[in-house]
C-alpha cells in the first residue's frame, strides 16, 4: 500500500472482523480500557515509533496515537489520531470512529498483558483472591500468560459504572 489509510473522522461501517489495535506510548490507559471491552490491544511503551508502524502493519492492527508527526512522517497503513485527553473520551472516540460494537462480555482479556483470560472453576480459586471475594457471584478468570487473577469485585463495579456513563446506549449490565 503506498498511501496511509487513516480512519475517517466520521463513523466507519462495521468491519468484517473485530478490529485489533496497537497503542503508542502515550495511550497506555486507553489500551487498558480497550482490553476491558475485550479488544485485542497491543501496547509496549518502550517500542520506538518506526517499529510500532512495522508491528501494526505486520499484525494488521490499527495504530492508535496522539502523535501527529508519527502519522505524517511514518505514514502507517492504518492509524487513528486520538484527540481527547481523558482515557474514557479517547475510548468513545475510538469506538465511534472504528465502529466498535458493544461487547457480549466485559473483562475477557488481561488488562496488563492482553492475553485472553481463562475461566477458573471453584477448585482453581485459591489464596490469590481475597477470602471475602471468593464467594462473589460471577466468573473468576486467570491470565494464562502472566498468571494474574480477575474476579467481579468493587473495582469491576466501578469500571462498569464508568463505561455505562461513557456509553449510555450500550447494554453493559453483564
Protein backbone atom coordinates (compact mmCIF):
# COMPACT_ATOMS: atom_id res chain seq x y z
CA UNK A 1 0.00 0.00 0.00
CA UNK A 2 1.54 3.31 -0.98
CA UNK A 3 -0.70 5.69 0.95
CA UNK A 4 -1.53 5.78 4.60
CA UNK A 5 -5.12 4.79 5.32
CA UNK A 6 -6.41 6.84 8.21
CA UNK A 7 -9.67 6.06 9.91
CA UNK A 8 -12.01 8.87 8.83
CA UNK A 9 -13.45 11.44 11.24
CA UNK A 10 -16.94 10.07 10.96
CA UNK A 11 -18.11 6.60 11.93
CA UNK A 12 -16.90 3.80 9.66
CA UNK A 13 -19.03 0.90 8.55
CA UNK A 14 -18.64 -2.02 10.91
CA UNK A 15 -15.59 -4.07 9.90
CA UNK A 16 -16.00 -7.65 8.74
CA UNK A 17 -13.73 -8.76 11.58
CA UNK A 18 -13.13 -7.38 15.03
CA UNK A 19 -10.51 -4.63 14.86
CA UNK A 20 -7.15 -5.15 16.52
CA UNK A 21 -5.23 -2.21 17.93
CA UNK A 22 -1.70 -1.14 18.78
CA UNK A 23 -1.49 1.81 21.17
CA UNK A 24 1.60 4.01 21.29
CA UNK A 25 3.40 5.02 24.48
CA UNK A 26 1.00 7.91 25.18
CA UNK A 27 -2.09 5.69 25.27
CA UNK A 28 -1.48 3.08 27.97
CA UNK A 29 -4.69 3.86 29.85
CA UNK A 30 -6.71 3.72 26.63
CA UNK A 31 -5.15 0.32 25.90
CA UNK A 32 -6.40 -0.97 29.27
CA UNK A 33 -9.95 0.31 28.64
CA UNK A 34 -9.99 -1.32 25.20
CA UNK A 35 -8.94 -4.57 26.86
CA UNK A 36 -11.81 -4.20 29.36
CA UNK A 37 -14.10 -4.24 26.31
CA UNK A 38 -12.37 -7.42 25.12
CA UNK A 39 -10.49 -5.73 22.28
CA UNK A 40 -7.12 -7.17 21.26
CA UNK A 41 -4.91 -4.17 22.06
CA UNK A 42 -1.14 -4.47 21.99
CA UNK A 43 0.88 -1.92 23.96
CA UNK A 44 4.57 -1.59 24.73
CA UNK A 45 5.73 1.91 25.70
CA UNK A 46 9.37 1.04 25.04
CA UNK A 47 8.94 0.40 21.30
CA UNK A 48 10.16 3.29 19.09
CA UNK A 49 7.78 4.77 16.53
CA UNK A 50 9.29 3.16 13.38
CA UNK A 51 8.97 -0.28 14.99
CA UNK A 52 5.37 0.50 16.04
CA UNK A 53 4.48 1.20 12.41
CA UNK A 54 6.08 -2.08 11.27
CA UNK A 55 4.40 -4.00 14.11
CA UNK A 56 0.97 -2.57 13.25
CA UNK A 57 1.41 -3.44 9.57
CA UNK A 58 2.72 -6.96 10.25
CA UNK A 59 -0.22 -7.81 12.52
CA UNK A 60 -2.83 -5.77 10.65
CA UNK A 61 -3.52 -3.58 13.66
CA UNK A 62 -4.88 -0.05 13.75
CA UNK A 63 -2.16 2.16 15.24
CA UNK A 64 -3.62 4.46 17.89
CA UNK A 65 -1.55 7.55 18.54
CA UNK A 66 -1.72 11.14 19.75
CA UNK A 67 1.39 11.97 17.73
CA UNK A 68 0.52 13.88 14.54
CA UNK A 69 4.16 13.71 13.41
CA UNK A 70 4.19 9.91 13.64
CA UNK A 71 1.25 9.77 11.20
CA UNK A 72 2.62 12.46 8.88
CA UNK A 73 6.21 11.23 8.75
CA UNK A 74 5.97 7.44 9.12
CA UNK A 75 2.62 7.02 7.35
CA UNK A 76 1.29 3.85 9.00
CA UNK A 77 -1.08 1.80 6.83
CA UNK A 78 -3.96 2.15 9.30
CA UNK A 79 -3.97 4.70 12.06
CA UNK A 80 -6.23 6.80 14.21
CA UNK A 81 -5.19 10.12 15.69
CA UNK A 82 -6.65 10.10 19.21
CA UNK A 83 -7.53 13.63 20.22
CA UNK A 84 -9.17 13.73 23.69
CA UNK A 85 -7.00 13.84 26.81
CA UNK A 86 -9.23 11.72 29.07
CA UNK A 87 -8.98 7.93 28.56
CA UNK A 88 -12.74 7.33 28.55
CA UNK A 89 -13.26 10.09 25.99
CA UNK A 90 -10.45 8.51 23.96
CA UNK A 91 -12.28 5.19 24.22
CA UNK A 92 -15.50 6.79 23.00
CA UNK A 93 -13.67 8.35 20.03
CA UNK A 94 -12.07 5.04 19.04
CA UNK A 95 -15.35 3.14 19.40
CA UNK A 96 -17.24 5.68 17.29
CA UNK A 97 -14.66 6.08 14.55
CA UNK A 98 -13.69 2.43 14.16
CA UNK A 99 -17.18 1.03 14.70
CA UNK A 100 -16.56 -0.93 17.88
CA UNK A 101 -19.79 -2.68 18.90
CA UNK A 102 -20.89 -3.26 22.48
CA UNK A 103 -19.13 -6.39 23.70
CA UNK A 104 -21.05 -9.53 24.61
CA UNK A 105 -18.96 -9.73 27.77
CA UNK A 106 -16.52 -7.48 29.61
CA UNK A 107 -13.22 -8.44 31.24
CA UNK A 108 -12.20 -11.25 28.89
CA UNK A 109 -8.61 -10.01 28.32
CA UNK A 110 -5.80 -9.41 30.75
CA UNK A 111 -5.60 -5.69 31.41
CA UNK A 112 -1.81 -5.91 31.75
CA UNK A 113 -0.58 -8.27 29.02
CA UNK A 114 -3.58 -8.52 26.63
CA UNK A 115 -3.87 -12.34 26.75
CA UNK A 116 -7.33 -13.90 26.60
CA UNK A 117 -8.42 -14.86 30.09
CA UNK A 118 -9.38 -18.41 31.06
CA UNK A 119 -12.33 -19.24 33.31
CA UNK A 120 -11.34 -20.72 36.67
CA UNK A 121 -13.58 -23.28 38.33
CA UNK A 122 -14.29 -23.33 42.07
CA UNK A 123 -11.40 -25.75 42.59
CA UNK A 124 -8.97 -23.31 40.95
CA UNK A 125 -9.78 -20.36 43.19
CA UNK A 126 -7.01 -20.04 45.73
CA UNK A 127 -5.40 -17.63 48.15
CA UNK A 128 -4.57 -15.20 45.35
CA UNK A 129 -8.15 -13.97 45.68
CA UNK A 130 -9.12 -12.26 48.95
CA UNK A 131 -11.22 -14.51 51.19
CA UNK A 132 -14.19 -12.12 51.09
CA UNK A 133 -14.20 -12.17 47.29
CA UNK A 134 -14.18 -15.93 46.82
CA UNK A 135 -17.94 -16.17 47.25
CA UNK A 136 -18.88 -13.27 44.95
CA UNK A 137 -21.21 -14.21 42.10
CA UNK A 138 -19.68 -14.05 38.67
CA UNK A 139 -16.80 -15.60 36.84
CA UNK A 140 -13.26 -15.79 38.12
CA UNK A 141 -10.65 -15.70 35.40
CA UNK A 142 -6.92 -16.19 35.21
CA UNK A 143 -4.41 -14.91 32.71
CA UNK A 144 -2.54 -17.88 31.21
CA UNK A 145 0.37 -15.62 30.32
CA UNK A 146 1.10 -13.57 33.44
CA UNK A 147 -0.99 -15.57 35.96
CA UNK A 148 -3.00 -12.58 37.24
CA UNK A 149 -6.43 -13.34 38.68
CA UNK A 150 -9.61 -11.40 37.85
CA UNK A 151 -12.87 -11.55 39.80
CA UNK A 152 -16.03 -9.42 40.00
CA UNK A 153 -15.10 -7.16 42.89
CA UNK A 154 -15.68 -3.49 43.62
CA UNK A 155 -13.09 -2.50 41.00
CA UNK A 156 -15.15 -4.11 38.23
CA UNK A 157 -18.32 -2.42 39.50
CA UNK A 158 -16.60 0.97 39.32
CA UNK A 159 -15.30 0.23 35.83
CA UNK A 160 -18.75 -0.91 34.65
CA UNK A 161 -20.26 2.29 36.03
CA UNK A 162 -17.65 4.39 34.20
CA UNK A 163 -18.37 2.51 30.95
CA UNK A 164 -22.13 2.97 31.43
CA UNK A 165 -21.59 6.74 31.72
CA UNK A 166 -19.34 6.71 28.65
CA UNK A 167 -21.66 4.53 26.54
CA UNK A 168 -25.20 5.14 27.86
CA UNK A 169 -26.76 3.32 24.87
CA UNK A 170 -24.72 0.12 25.33
CA UNK A 171 -26.16 -2.80 27.33
CA UNK A 172 -23.29 -3.24 29.80
CA UNK A 173 -25.02 -4.99 32.70
CA UNK A 174 -23.04 -8.21 32.17
